[in-house]
């Protein structure tokens, strides 16, 4: 049995304006074209960890930008959930999961 690893450590002692959050986005989008466009949008913020799941490490400003762009990419029959994880969360993984790295992503 493979041991588990931690994905992200929260530091609640960092000033709010410098704090970053682990954000998990899961979705069920009916249309193939819309689903592909949505996944491409999310790639500008984080990494795909499963077919319909992304993880991102974002400051509040980029989180706000992410959330603001979602309604324009989906239809009423689609489902999207965004989880902004804060302190006291404990995230572990098993298997071959790519670790998140903090990096600046530029969206053009």
PDB file of N, CA and C in Angstrom:
ATOM      1  N   UNK A   1       0.837  -1.172   0.000  1.00  0.00           N
ATOM      2  CA  UNK A   1       0.000   0.000   0.000  1.00  0.00           C
ATOM      3  C   UNK A   1       0.886   1.241   0.000  1.00  0.00           C
ATOM      4  N   UNK A   2       0.556   2.166  -0.863  1.00  0.00           N
ATOM      5  CA  UNK A   2       1.326   3.401  -0.976  1.00  0.00           C
ATOM      6  C   UNK A   2       0.912   4.372   0.124  1.00  0.00           C
ATOM      7  N   UNK A   3       1.900   5.061   0.676  1.00  0.00           N
ATOM      8  CA  UNK A   3       1.572   6.044   1.709  1.00  0.00           C
ATOM      9  C   UNK A   3       0.980   7.294   1.063  1.00  0.00           C
ATOM     10  N   UNK A   4       0.266   8.054   1.854  1.00  0.00           N
ATOM     11  CA  UNK A   4      -0.353   9.277   1.351  1.00  0.00           C
ATOM     12  C   UNK A   4       0.588  10.460   1.576  1.00  0.00           C
ATOM     13  N   UNK A   5       0.331  11.509   0.849  1.00  0.00           N
ATOM     14  CA  UNK A   5       1.143  12.718   0.940  1.00  0.00           C
ATOM     15  C   UNK A   5       0.238  13.922   1.082  1.00  0.00           C
ATOM     16  N   UNK A   6       0.775  14.986   1.620  1.00  0.00           N
ATOM     17  CA  UNK A   6       0.021  16.227   1.719  1.00  0.00           C
ATOM     18  C   UNK A   6       0.197  17.030   0.434  1.00  0.00           C
ATOM     19  N   UNK A   7      -0.877  17.671   0.000  1.00  0.00           N
ATOM     20  CA  UNK A   7      -0.860  18.456  -1.228  1.00  0.00           C
ATOM     21  C   UNK A   7      -0.499  19.901  -0.957  1.00  0.00           C
ATOM     22  N   UNK A   8      -1.032  20.463   0.104  1.00  0.00           N
ATOM     23  CA  UNK A   8      -0.927  21.907   0.320  1.00  0.00           C
ATOM     24  C   UNK A   8      -1.015  22.176   1.807  1.00  0.00           C
ATOM     25  N   UNK A   9      -0.210  23.082   2.304  1.00  0.00           N
ATOM     26  CA  UNK A   9      -0.247  23.472   3.713  1.00  0.00           C
ATOM     27  C   UNK A   9      -0.761  24.898   3.792  1.00  0.00           C
ATOM     28  N   UNK A  10      -1.760  25.105   4.618  1.00  0.00           N
ATOM     29  CA  UNK A  10      -2.340  26.428   4.801  1.00  0.00           C
ATOM     30  C   UNK A  10      -1.553  27.186   5.842  1.00  0.00           C
ATOM     31  N   UNK A  11      -1.310  28.441   5.591  1.00  0.00           N
ATOM     32  CA  UNK A  11      -0.625  29.292   6.561  1.00  0.00           C
ATOM     33  C   UNK A  11      -1.525  30.475   6.882  1.00  0.00           C
ATOM     34  N   UNK A  12      -2.273  30.342   7.960  1.00  0.00           N
ATOM     35  CA  UNK A  12      -3.224  31.393   8.316  1.00  0.00           C
ATOM     36  C   UNK A  12      -2.551  32.588   8.970  1.00  0.00           C
ATOM     37  N   UNK A  13      -1.231  32.537   9.140  1.00  0.00           N
ATOM     38  CA  UNK A  13      -0.520  33.651   9.760  1.00  0.00           C
ATOM     39  C   UNK A  13       0.011  34.639   8.722  1.00  0.00           C
ATOM     40  N   UNK A  14      -0.212  34.346   7.434  1.00  0.00           N
ATOM     41  CA  UNK A  14       0.172  35.271   6.371  1.00  0.00           C
ATOM     42  C   UNK A  14      -0.921  36.327   6.265  1.00  0.00           C
ATOM     43  N   UNK A  15      -0.527  37.557   6.018  1.00  0.00           N
ATOM     44  CA  UNK A  15      -1.492  38.647   5.874  1.00  0.00           C
ATOM     45  C   UNK A  15      -2.494  38.317   4.772  1.00  0.00           C
ATOM     46  N   UNK A  16      -3.739  38.694   4.972  1.00  0.00           N
ATOM     47  CA  UNK A  16      -4.831  38.363   4.044  1.00  0.00           C
ATOM     48  C   UNK A  16      -4.510  38.734   2.598  1.00  0.00           C
ATOM     49  N   UNK A  17      -3.909  39.885   2.369  1.00  0.00           N
ATOM     50  CA  UNK A  17      -3.628  40.320   0.999  1.00  0.00           C
ATOM     51  C   UNK A  17      -2.550  39.471   0.322  1.00  0.00           C
ATOM     52  N   UNK A  18      -1.781  38.701   1.074  1.00  0.00           N
ATOM     53  CA  UNK A  18      -0.740  37.831   0.510  1.00  0.00           C
ATOM     54  C   UNK A  18      -1.106  36.353   0.590  1.00  0.00           C
ATOM     55  N   UNK A  19      -2.226  36.044   1.215  1.00  0.00           N
ATOM     56  CA  UNK A  19      -2.636  34.661   1.437  1.00  0.00           C
ATOM     57  C   UNK A  19      -3.103  34.012   0.137  1.00  0.00           C
ATOM     58  N   UNK A  20      -2.812  32.723  -0.012  1.00  0.00           N
ATOM     59  CA  UNK A  20      -3.286  31.954  -1.163  1.00  0.00           C
ATOM     60  C   UNK A  20      -4.161  30.813  -0.653  1.00  0.00           C
ATOM     61  N   UNK A  21      -5.070  30.392  -1.512  1.00  0.00           N
ATOM     62  CA  UNK A  21      -6.033  29.363  -1.153  1.00  0.00           C
ATOM     63  C   UNK A  21      -5.945  28.204  -2.124  1.00  0.00           C
ATOM     64  N   UNK A  22      -6.205  27.021  -1.627  1.00  0.00           N
ATOM     65  CA  UNK A  22      -6.358  25.874  -2.498  1.00  0.00           C
ATOM     66  C   UNK A  22      -7.805  25.869  -2.956  1.00  0.00           C
ATOM     67  N   UNK A  23      -8.007  25.902  -4.263  1.00  0.00           N
ATOM     68  CA  UNK A  23      -9.342  25.955  -4.847  1.00  0.00           C
ATOM     69  C   UNK A  23      -9.527  24.695  -5.689  1.00  0.00           C
ATOM     70  N   UNK A  24     -10.616  23.993  -5.458  1.00  0.00           N
ATOM     71  CA  UNK A  24     -10.942  22.787  -6.207  1.00  0.00           C
ATOM     72  C   UNK A  24     -12.202  23.065  -7.021  1.00  0.00           C
ATOM     73  N   UNK A  25     -12.143  22.780  -8.314  1.00  0.00           N
ATOM     74  CA  UNK A  25     -13.288  22.975  -9.199  1.00  0.00           C
ATOM     75  C   UNK A  25     -13.661  21.623  -9.774  1.00  0.00           C
ATOM     76  N   UNK A  26     -14.913  21.229  -9.593  1.00  0.00           N
ATOM     77  CA  UNK A  26     -15.423  20.013 -10.217  1.00  0.00           C
ATOM     78  C   UNK A  26     -16.607  20.400 -11.092  1.00  0.00           C
ATOM     79  N   UNK A  27     -16.795  19.675 -12.184  1.00  0.00           N
ATOM     80  CA  UNK A  27     -17.846  20.075 -13.108  1.00  0.00           C
ATOM     81  C   UNK A  27     -18.398  18.889 -13.877  1.00  0.00           C
ATOM     82  N   UNK A  28     -19.629  19.070 -14.329  1.00  0.00           N
ATOM     83  CA  UNK A  28     -20.306  18.133 -15.209  1.00  0.00           C
ATOM     84  C   UNK A  28     -20.965  18.985 -16.288  1.00  0.00           C
ATOM     85  N   UNK A  29     -20.309  19.079 -17.421  1.00  0.00           N
ATOM     86  CA  UNK A  29     -20.787  19.918 -18.517  1.00  0.00           C
ATOM     87  C   UNK A  29     -21.221  19.007 -19.659  1.00  0.00           C
ATOM     88  N   UNK A  30     -22.458  19.165 -20.087  1.00  0.00           N
ATOM     89  CA  UNK A  30     -23.104  18.258 -21.031  1.00  0.00           C
ATOM     90  C   UNK A  30     -22.497  18.320 -22.431  1.00  0.00           C
ATOM     91  N   UNK A  31     -22.290  19.506 -22.953  1.00  0.00           N
ATOM     92  CA  UNK A  31     -21.835  19.707 -24.325  1.00  0.00           C
ATOM     93  C   UNK A  31     -20.317  19.575 -24.434  1.00  0.00           C
ATOM     94  N   UNK A  32     -19.852  18.788 -25.403  1.00  0.00           N
ATOM     95  CA  UNK A  32     -18.412  18.554 -25.572  1.00  0.00           C
ATOM     96  C   UNK A  32     -17.639  19.840 -25.843  1.00  0.00           C
ATOM     97  N   UNK A  33     -18.149  20.692 -26.699  1.00  0.00           N
ATOM     98  CA  UNK A  33     -17.452  21.939 -27.041  1.00  0.00           C
ATOM     99  C   UNK A  33     -17.359  22.861 -25.825  1.00  0.00           C
ATOM    100  N   UNK A  34     -18.457  22.987 -25.095  1.00  0.00           N
ATOM    101  CA  UNK A  34     -18.466  23.830 -23.894  1.00  0.00           C
ATOM    102  C   UNK A  34     -17.543  23.253 -22.820  1.00  0.00           C
ATOM    103  N   UNK A  35     -17.556  21.927 -22.701  1.00  0.00           N
ATOM    104  CA  UNK A  35     -16.702  21.266 -21.710  1.00  0.00           C
ATOM    105  C   UNK A  35     -15.224  21.508 -22.028  1.00  0.00           C
ATOM    106  N   UNK A  36     -14.861  21.413 -23.301  1.00  0.00           N
ATOM    107  CA  UNK A  36     -13.473  21.651 -23.714  1.00  0.00           C
ATOM    108  C   UNK A  36     -13.073  23.105 -23.457  1.00  0.00           C
ATOM    109  N   UNK A  37     -13.951  24.035 -23.751  1.00  0.00           N
ATOM    110  CA  UNK A  37     -13.665  25.456 -23.518  1.00  0.00           C
ATOM    111  C   UNK A  37     -13.525  25.743 -22.026  1.00  0.00           C
ATOM    112  N   UNK A  38     -14.346  25.090 -21.225  1.00  0.00           N
ATOM    113  CA  UNK A  38     -14.280  25.289 -19.774  1.00  0.00           C
ATOM    114  C   UNK A  38     -12.969  24.745 -19.211  1.00  0.00           C
ATOM    115  N   UNK A  39     -12.572  23.569 -19.668  1.00  0.00           N
ATOM    116  CA  UNK A  39     -11.303  22.975 -19.209  1.00  0.00           C
ATOM    117  C   UNK A  39     -10.127  23.865 -19.620  1.00  0.00           C
ATOM    118  N   UNK A  40     -10.172  24.412 -20.813  1.00  0.00           N
ATOM    119  CA  UNK A  40      -9.098  25.310 -21.263  1.00  0.00           C
ATOM    120  C   UNK A  40      -9.044  26.557 -20.385  1.00  0.00           C
ATOM    121  N   UNK A  41     -10.207  27.088 -20.022  1.00  0.00           N
ATOM    122  CA  UNK A  41     -10.275  28.244 -19.127  1.00  0.00           C
ATOM    123  C   UNK A  41      -9.620  27.910 -17.777  1.00  0.00           C
ATOM    124  N   UNK A  42      -9.959  26.755 -17.235  1.00  0.00           N
ATOM    125  CA  UNK A  42      -9.419  26.366 -15.926  1.00  0.00           C
ATOM    126  C   UNK A  42      -7.911  26.127 -15.968  1.00  0.00           C
ATOM    127  N   UNK A  43      -7.381  25.694 -17.107  1.00  0.00           N
ATOM    128  CA  UNK A  43      -5.941  25.480 -17.230  1.00  0.00           C
ATOM    129  C   UNK A  43      -5.160  26.769 -17.021  1.00  0.00           C
ATOM    130  N   UNK A  44      -5.810  27.904 -17.221  1.00  0.00           N
ATOM    131  CA  UNK A  44      -5.163  29.186 -16.967  1.00  0.00           C
ATOM    132  C   UNK A  44      -5.028  29.499 -15.489  1.00  0.00           C
ATOM    133  N   UNK A  45      -5.652  28.695 -14.646  1.00  0.00           N
ATOM    134  CA  UNK A  45      -5.626  28.935 -13.207  1.00  0.00           C
ATOM    135  C   UNK A  45      -4.950  27.819 -12.412  1.00  0.00           C
ATOM    136  N   UNK A  46      -4.974  26.595 -12.918  1.00  0.00           N
ATOM    137  CA  UNK A  46      -4.429  25.484 -12.139  1.00  0.00           C
ATOM    138  C   UNK A  46      -4.173  24.268 -12.995  1.00  0.00           C
ATOM    139  N   UNK A  47      -4.197  23.098 -12.350  1.00  0.00           N
ATOM    140  CA  UNK A  47      -3.905  21.855 -13.066  1.00  0.00           C
ATOM    141  C   UNK A  47      -5.081  20.899 -12.975  1.00  0.00           C
ATOM    142  N   UNK A  48      -5.232  20.117 -14.027  1.00  0.00           N
ATOM    143  CA  UNK A  48      -6.273  19.090 -14.060  1.00  0.00           C
ATOM    144  C   UNK A  48      -5.770  17.893 -13.251  1.00  0.00           C
ATOM    145  N   UNK A  49      -6.580  17.452 -12.302  1.00  0.00           N
ATOM    146  CA  UNK A  49      -6.201  16.305 -11.478  1.00  0.00           C
ATOM    147  C   UNK A  49      -7.054  15.080 -11.787  1.00  0.00           C
ATOM    148  N   UNK A  50      -8.190  15.274 -12.406  1.00  0.00           N
ATOM    149  CA  UNK A  50      -9.035  14.202 -12.922  1.00  0.00           C
ATOM    150  C   UNK A  50      -9.756  14.763 -14.135  1.00  0.00           C
ATOM    151  N   UNK A  51     -10.525  13.926 -14.831  1.00  0.00           N
ATOM    152  CA  UNK A  51     -11.169  14.397 -16.067  1.00  0.00           C
ATOM    153  C   UNK A  51     -12.015  15.641 -15.865  1.00  0.00           C
ATOM    154  N   UNK A  52     -12.725  15.732 -14.766  1.00  0.00           N
ATOM    155  CA  UNK A  52     -13.604  16.890 -14.523  1.00  0.00           C
ATOM    156  C   UNK A  52     -13.273  17.567 -13.202  1.00  0.00           C
ATOM    157  N   UNK A  53     -11.990  17.636 -12.880  1.00  0.00           N
ATOM    158  CA  UNK A  53     -11.570  18.261 -11.620  1.00  0.00           C
ATOM    159  C   UNK A  53     -10.239  18.980 -11.796  1.00  0.00           C
ATOM    160  N   UNK A  54     -10.191  20.207 -11.287  1.00  0.00           N
ATOM    161  CA  UNK A  54      -8.979  21.015 -11.309  1.00  0.00           C
ATOM    162  C   UNK A  54      -8.654  21.465  -9.894  1.00  0.00           C
ATOM    163  N   UNK A  55      -7.375  21.651  -9.624  1.00  0.00           N
ATOM    164  CA  UNK A  55      -6.910  22.245  -8.374  1.00  0.00           C
ATOM    165  C   UNK A  55      -6.064  23.457  -8.713  1.00  0.00           C
ATOM    166  N   UNK A  56      -6.246  24.504  -7.923  1.00  0.00           N
ATOM    167  CA  UNK A  56      -5.522  25.751  -8.146  1.00  0.00           C
ATOM    168  C   UNK A  56      -5.045  26.297  -6.804  1.00  0.00           C
ATOM    169  N   UNK A  57      -3.937  26.983  -6.822  1.00  0.00           N
ATOM    170  CA  UNK A  57      -3.478  27.744  -5.658  1.00  0.00           C
ATOM    171  C   UNK A  57      -3.544  29.200  -6.074  1.00  0.00           C
ATOM    172  N   UNK A  58      -4.470  29.945  -5.458  1.00  0.00           N
ATOM    173  CA  UNK A  58      -4.768  31.290  -5.932  1.00  0.00           C
ATOM    174  C   UNK A  58      -4.850  32.303  -4.800  1.00  0.00           C
ATOM    175  N   UNK A  59      -4.379  33.524  -5.060  1.00  0.00           N
ATOM    176  CA  UNK A  59      -4.680  34.619  -4.133  1.00  0.00           C
ATOM    177  C   UNK A  59      -6.139  35.029  -4.351  1.00  0.00           C
ATOM    178  N   UNK A  60      -6.679  35.811  -3.451  1.00  0.00           N
ATOM    179  CA  UNK A  60      -8.087  36.208  -3.521  1.00  0.00           C
ATOM    180  C   UNK A  60      -8.442  36.866  -4.853  1.00  0.00           C
ATOM    181  N   UNK A  61      -7.556  37.715  -5.386  1.00  0.00           N
ATOM    182  CA  UNK A  61      -7.863  38.422  -6.631  1.00  0.00           C
ATOM    183  C   UNK A  61      -8.048  37.458  -7.805  1.00  0.00           C
ATOM    184  N   UNK A  62      -7.204  36.431  -7.899  1.00  0.00           N
ATOM    185  CA  UNK A  62      -7.338  35.465  -8.997  1.00  0.00           C
ATOM    186  C   UNK A  62      -8.527  34.540  -8.768  1.00  0.00           C
ATOM    187  N   UNK A  63      -8.823  34.240  -7.524  1.00  0.00           N
ATOM    188  CA  UNK A  63     -10.017  33.463  -7.205  1.00  0.00           C
ATOM    189  C   UNK A  63     -11.263  34.216  -7.687  1.00  0.00           C
ATOM    190  N   UNK A  64     -11.309  35.516  -7.390  1.00  0.00           N
ATOM    191  CA  UNK A  64     -12.441  36.335  -7.822  1.00  0.00           C
ATOM    192  C   UNK A  64     -12.571  36.330  -9.345  1.00  0.00           C
ATOM    193  N   UNK A  65     -11.444  36.430 -10.047  1.00  0.00           N
ATOM    194  CA  UNK A  65     -11.440  36.418 -11.510  1.00  0.00           C
ATOM    195  C   UNK A  65     -11.936  35.066 -12.034  1.00  0.00           C
ATOM    196  N   UNK A  66     -11.479  33.985 -11.430  1.00  0.00           N
ATOM    197  CA  UNK A  66     -11.914  32.642 -11.813  1.00  0.00           C
ATOM    198  C   UNK A  66     -13.431  32.516 -11.709  1.00  0.00           C
ATOM    199  N   UNK A  67     -13.965  32.867 -10.558  1.00  0.00           N
ATOM    200  CA  UNK A  67     -15.398  32.727 -10.298  1.00  0.00           C
ATOM    201  C   UNK A  67     -16.221  33.632 -11.219  1.00  0.00           C
ATOM    202  N   UNK A  68     -15.740  34.815 -11.471  1.00  0.00           N
ATOM    203  CA  UNK A  68     -16.464  35.770 -12.324  1.00  0.00           C
ATOM    204  C   UNK A  68     -16.611  35.250 -13.759  1.00  0.00           C
ATOM    205  N   UNK A  69     -15.628  34.510 -14.255  1.00  0.00           N
ATOM    206  CA  UNK A  69     -15.658  34.029 -15.631  1.00  0.00           C
ATOM    207  C   UNK A  69     -16.499  32.785 -15.867  1.00  0.00           C
ATOM    208  N   UNK A  70     -16.846  32.065 -14.826  1.00  0.00           N
ATOM    209  CA  UNK A  70     -17.558  30.789 -14.987  1.00  0.00           C
ATOM    210  C   UNK A  70     -18.944  30.927 -15.611  1.00  0.00           C
ATOM    211  N   UNK A  71     -19.795  31.838 -15.159  1.00  0.00           N
ATOM    212  CA  UNK A  71     -21.159  31.901 -15.726  1.00  0.00           C
ATOM    213  C   UNK A  71     -21.214  32.072 -17.241  1.00  0.00           C
ATOM    214  N   UNK A  72     -20.248  32.745 -17.822  1.00  0.00           N
ATOM    215  CA  UNK A  72     -20.233  32.948 -19.270  1.00  0.00           C
ATOM    216  C   UNK A  72     -19.813  31.725 -20.062  1.00  0.00           C
ATOM    217  N   UNK A  73     -19.359  30.689 -19.379  1.00  0.00           N
ATOM    218  CA  UNK A  73     -18.860  29.491 -20.062  1.00  0.00           C
ATOM    219  C   UNK A  73     -19.788  28.288 -19.955  1.00  0.00           C
ATOM    220  N   UNK A  74     -20.830  28.394 -19.163  1.00  0.00           N
ATOM    221  CA  UNK A  74     -21.695  27.240 -18.926  1.00  0.00           C
ATOM    222  C   UNK A  74     -23.144  27.551 -19.306  1.00  0.00           C
ATOM    223  N   UNK A  75     -23.930  26.494 -19.400  1.00  0.00           N
ATOM    224  CA  UNK A  75     -25.363  26.596 -19.703  1.00  0.00           C
ATOM    225  C   UNK A  75     -26.153  26.144 -18.471  1.00  0.00           C
ATOM    226  N   UNK A  76     -27.445  26.438 -18.435  1.00  0.00           N
ATOM    227  CA  UNK A  76     -28.259  26.078 -17.268  1.00  0.00           C
ATOM    228  C   UNK A  76     -28.234  24.588 -16.905  1.00  0.00           C
ATOM    229  N   UNK A  77     -28.062  23.716 -17.892  1.00  0.00           N
ATOM    230  CA  UNK A  77     -28.047  22.273 -17.597  1.00  0.00           C
ATOM    231  C   UNK A  77     -26.707  21.771 -17.061  1.00  0.00           C
ATOM    232  N   UNK A  78     -25.680  22.601 -17.065  1.00  0.00           N
ATOM    233  CA  UNK A  78     -24.357  22.226 -16.559  1.00  0.00           C
ATOM    234  C   UNK A  78     -24.289  22.392 -15.041  1.00  0.00           C
ATOM    235  N   UNK A  79     -23.324  21.694 -14.452  1.00  0.00           N
ATOM    236  CA  UNK A  79     -23.091  21.836 -13.015  1.00  0.00           C
ATOM    237  C   UNK A  79     -21.607  22.119 -12.770  1.00  0.00           C
ATOM    238  N   UNK A  80     -21.356  23.114 -11.950  1.00  0.00           N
ATOM    239  CA  UNK A  80     -19.986  23.463 -11.569  1.00  0.00           C
ATOM    240  C   UNK A  80     -19.979  23.726 -10.071  1.00  0.00           C
ATOM    241  N   UNK A  81     -18.983  23.191  -9.388  1.00  0.00           N
ATOM    242  CA  UNK A  81     -18.790  23.461  -7.963  1.00  0.00           C
ATOM    243  C   UNK A  81     -17.368  23.957  -7.763  1.00  0.00           C
ATOM    244  N   UNK A  82     -17.239  25.019  -6.983  1.00  0.00           N
ATOM    245  CA  UNK A  82     -15.933  25.594  -6.674  1.00  0.00           C
ATOM    246  C   UNK A  82     -15.775  25.564  -5.157  1.00  0.00           C
ATOM    247  N   UNK A  83     -14.735  24.910  -4.693  1.00  0.00           N
ATOM    248  CA  UNK A  83     -14.446  24.819  -3.262  1.00  0.00           C
ATOM    249  C   UNK A  83     -13.199  25.639  -2.960  1.00  0.00           C
ATOM    250  N   UNK A  84     -13.344  26.654  -2.158  1.00  0.00           N
ATOM    251  CA  UNK A  84     -12.215  27.479  -1.703  1.00  0.00           C
ATOM    252  C   UNK A  84     -11.875  26.993  -0.299  1.00  0.00           C
ATOM    253  N   UNK A  85     -10.746  26.317  -0.186  1.00  0.00           N
ATOM    254  CA  UNK A  85     -10.374  25.695   1.080  1.00  0.00           C
ATOM    255  C   UNK A  85      -9.498  26.632   1.904  1.00  0.00           C
ATOM    256  N   UNK A  86      -9.875  26.792   3.135  1.00  0.00           N
ATOM    257  CA  UNK A  86      -9.137  27.663   4.039  1.00  0.00           C
ATOM    258  C   UNK A  86      -8.549  26.837   5.173  1.00  0.00           C
ATOM    259  N   UNK A  87      -8.090  27.487   6.221  1.00  0.00           N
ATOM    260  CA  UNK A  87      -7.404  26.795   7.302  1.00  0.00           C
ATOM    261  C   UNK A  87      -8.246  25.671   7.891  1.00  0.00           C
ATOM    262  N   UNK A  88      -7.576  24.762   8.519  1.00  0.00           N
ATOM    263  CA  UNK A  88      -8.147  23.577   9.148  1.00  0.00           C
ATOM    264  C   UNK A  88      -8.602  22.516   8.151  1.00  0.00           C
ATOM    265  N   UNK A  89      -8.287  22.674   6.879  1.00  0.00           N
ATOM    266  CA  UNK A  89      -8.562  21.623   5.903  1.00  0.00           C
ATOM    267  C   UNK A  89      -7.346  20.706   5.853  1.00  0.00           C
ATOM    268  N   UNK A  90      -7.574  19.447   5.629  1.00  0.00           N
ATOM    269  CA  UNK A  90      -6.488  18.480   5.542  1.00  0.00           C
ATOM    270  C   UNK A  90      -6.672  17.702   4.249  1.00  0.00           C
ATOM    271  N   UNK A  91      -5.809  17.923   3.292  1.00  0.00           N
ATOM    272  CA  UNK A  91      -5.930  17.300   1.986  1.00  0.00           C
ATOM    273  C   UNK A  91      -4.813  16.285   1.823  1.00  0.00           C
ATOM    274  N   UNK A  92      -5.177  15.063   1.487  1.00  0.00           N
ATOM    275  CA  UNK A  92      -4.199  13.999   1.248  1.00  0.00           C
ATOM    276  C   UNK A  92      -4.503  13.378  -0.102  1.00  0.00           C
ATOM    277  N   UNK A  93      -3.529  12.694  -0.675  1.00  0.00           N
ATOM    278  CA  UNK A  93      -3.775  12.005  -1.929  1.00  0.00           C
ATOM    279  C   UNK A  93      -3.064  10.665  -1.943  1.00  0.00           C
ATOM    280  N   UNK A  94      -3.552   9.793  -2.779  1.00  0.00           N
ATOM    281  CA  UNK A  94      -2.954   8.492  -3.019  1.00  0.00           C
ATOM    282  C   UNK A  94      -2.852   8.299  -4.523  1.00  0.00           C
ATOM    283  N   UNK A  95      -1.843   7.588  -4.963  1.00  0.00           N
ATOM    284  CA  UNK A  95      -1.693   7.331  -6.390  1.00  0.00           C
ATOM    285  C   UNK A  95      -0.778   8.337  -7.052  1.00  0.00           C
ATOM    286  N   UNK A  96      -0.774   8.310  -8.361  1.00  0.00           N
ATOM    287  CA  UNK A  96       0.129   9.181  -9.113  1.00  0.00           C
ATOM    288  C   UNK A  96      -0.566  10.514  -9.388  1.00  0.00           C
ATOM    289  N   UNK A  97      -0.454  11.397  -8.449  1.00  0.00           N
ATOM    290  CA  UNK A  97      -1.065  12.712  -8.545  1.00  0.00           C
ATOM    291  C   UNK A  97       0.037  13.741  -8.673  1.00  0.00           C
ATOM    292  N   UNK A  98      -0.102  14.641  -9.657  1.00  0.00           N
ATOM    293  CA  UNK A  98       0.872  15.708  -9.833  1.00  0.00           C
ATOM    294  C   UNK A  98       0.722  16.710  -8.694  1.00  0.00           C
ATOM    295  N   UNK A  99       1.830  17.042  -8.058  1.00  0.00           N
ATOM    296  CA  UNK A  99       1.773  18.012  -6.965  1.00  0.00           C
ATOM    297  C   UNK A  99       1.558  19.414  -7.499  1.00  0.00           C
ATOM    298  N   UNK A 100       0.804  20.187  -6.768  1.00  0.00           N
ATOM    299  CA  UNK A 100       0.594  21.584  -7.122  1.00  0.00           C
ATOM    300  C   UNK A 100       1.837  22.379  -6.797  1.00  0.00           C
ATOM    301  N   UNK A 101       2.161  23.290  -7.657  1.00  0.00           N
ATOM    302  CA  UNK A 101       3.265  24.192  -7.386  1.00  0.00           C
ATOM    303  C   UNK A 101       2.737  25.609  -7.465  1.00  0.00           C
ATOM    304  N   UNK A 102       3.235  26.442  -6.580  1.00  0.00           N
ATOM    305  CA  UNK A 102       2.841  27.842  -6.652  1.00  0.00           C
ATOM    306  C   UNK A 102       3.615  28.484  -7.778  1.00  0.00           C
ATOM    307  N   UNK A 103       2.894  29.007  -8.738  1.00  0.00           N
ATOM    308  CA  UNK A 103       3.533  29.706  -9.847  1.00  0.00           C
ATOM    309  C   UNK A 103       2.582  30.777 -10.333  1.00  0.00           C
ATOM    310  N   UNK A 104       3.156  31.768 -10.914  1.00  0.00           N
ATOM    311  CA  UNK A 104       2.344  32.837 -11.480  1.00  0.00           C
ATOM    312  C   UNK A 104       1.872  32.398 -12.855  1.00  0.00           C
ATOM    313  N   UNK A 105       0.585  32.484 -13.089  1.00  0.00           N
ATOM    314  CA  UNK A 105       0.007  32.135 -14.377  1.00  0.00           C
ATOM    315  C   UNK A 105      -0.479  33.414 -15.025  1.00  0.00           C
ATOM    316  N   UNK A 106      -0.089  33.633 -16.267  1.00  0.00           N
ATOM    317  CA  UNK A 106      -0.516  34.810 -16.992  1.00  0.00           C
ATOM    318  C   UNK A 106      -1.543  34.377 -18.023  1.00  0.00           C
ATOM    319  N   UNK A 107      -2.713  34.991 -17.993  1.00  0.00           N
ATOM    320  CA  UNK A 107      -3.768  34.680 -18.942  1.00  0.00           C
ATOM    321  C   UNK A 107      -3.817  35.794 -19.980  1.00  0.00           C
ATOM    322  N   UNK A 108      -3.653  35.410 -21.230  1.00  0.00           N
ATOM    323  CA  UNK A 108      -3.625  36.398 -22.315  1.00  0.00           C
ATOM    324  C   UNK A 108      -4.917  36.329 -23.093  1.00  0.00           C
TER     325      UNK A 108
END
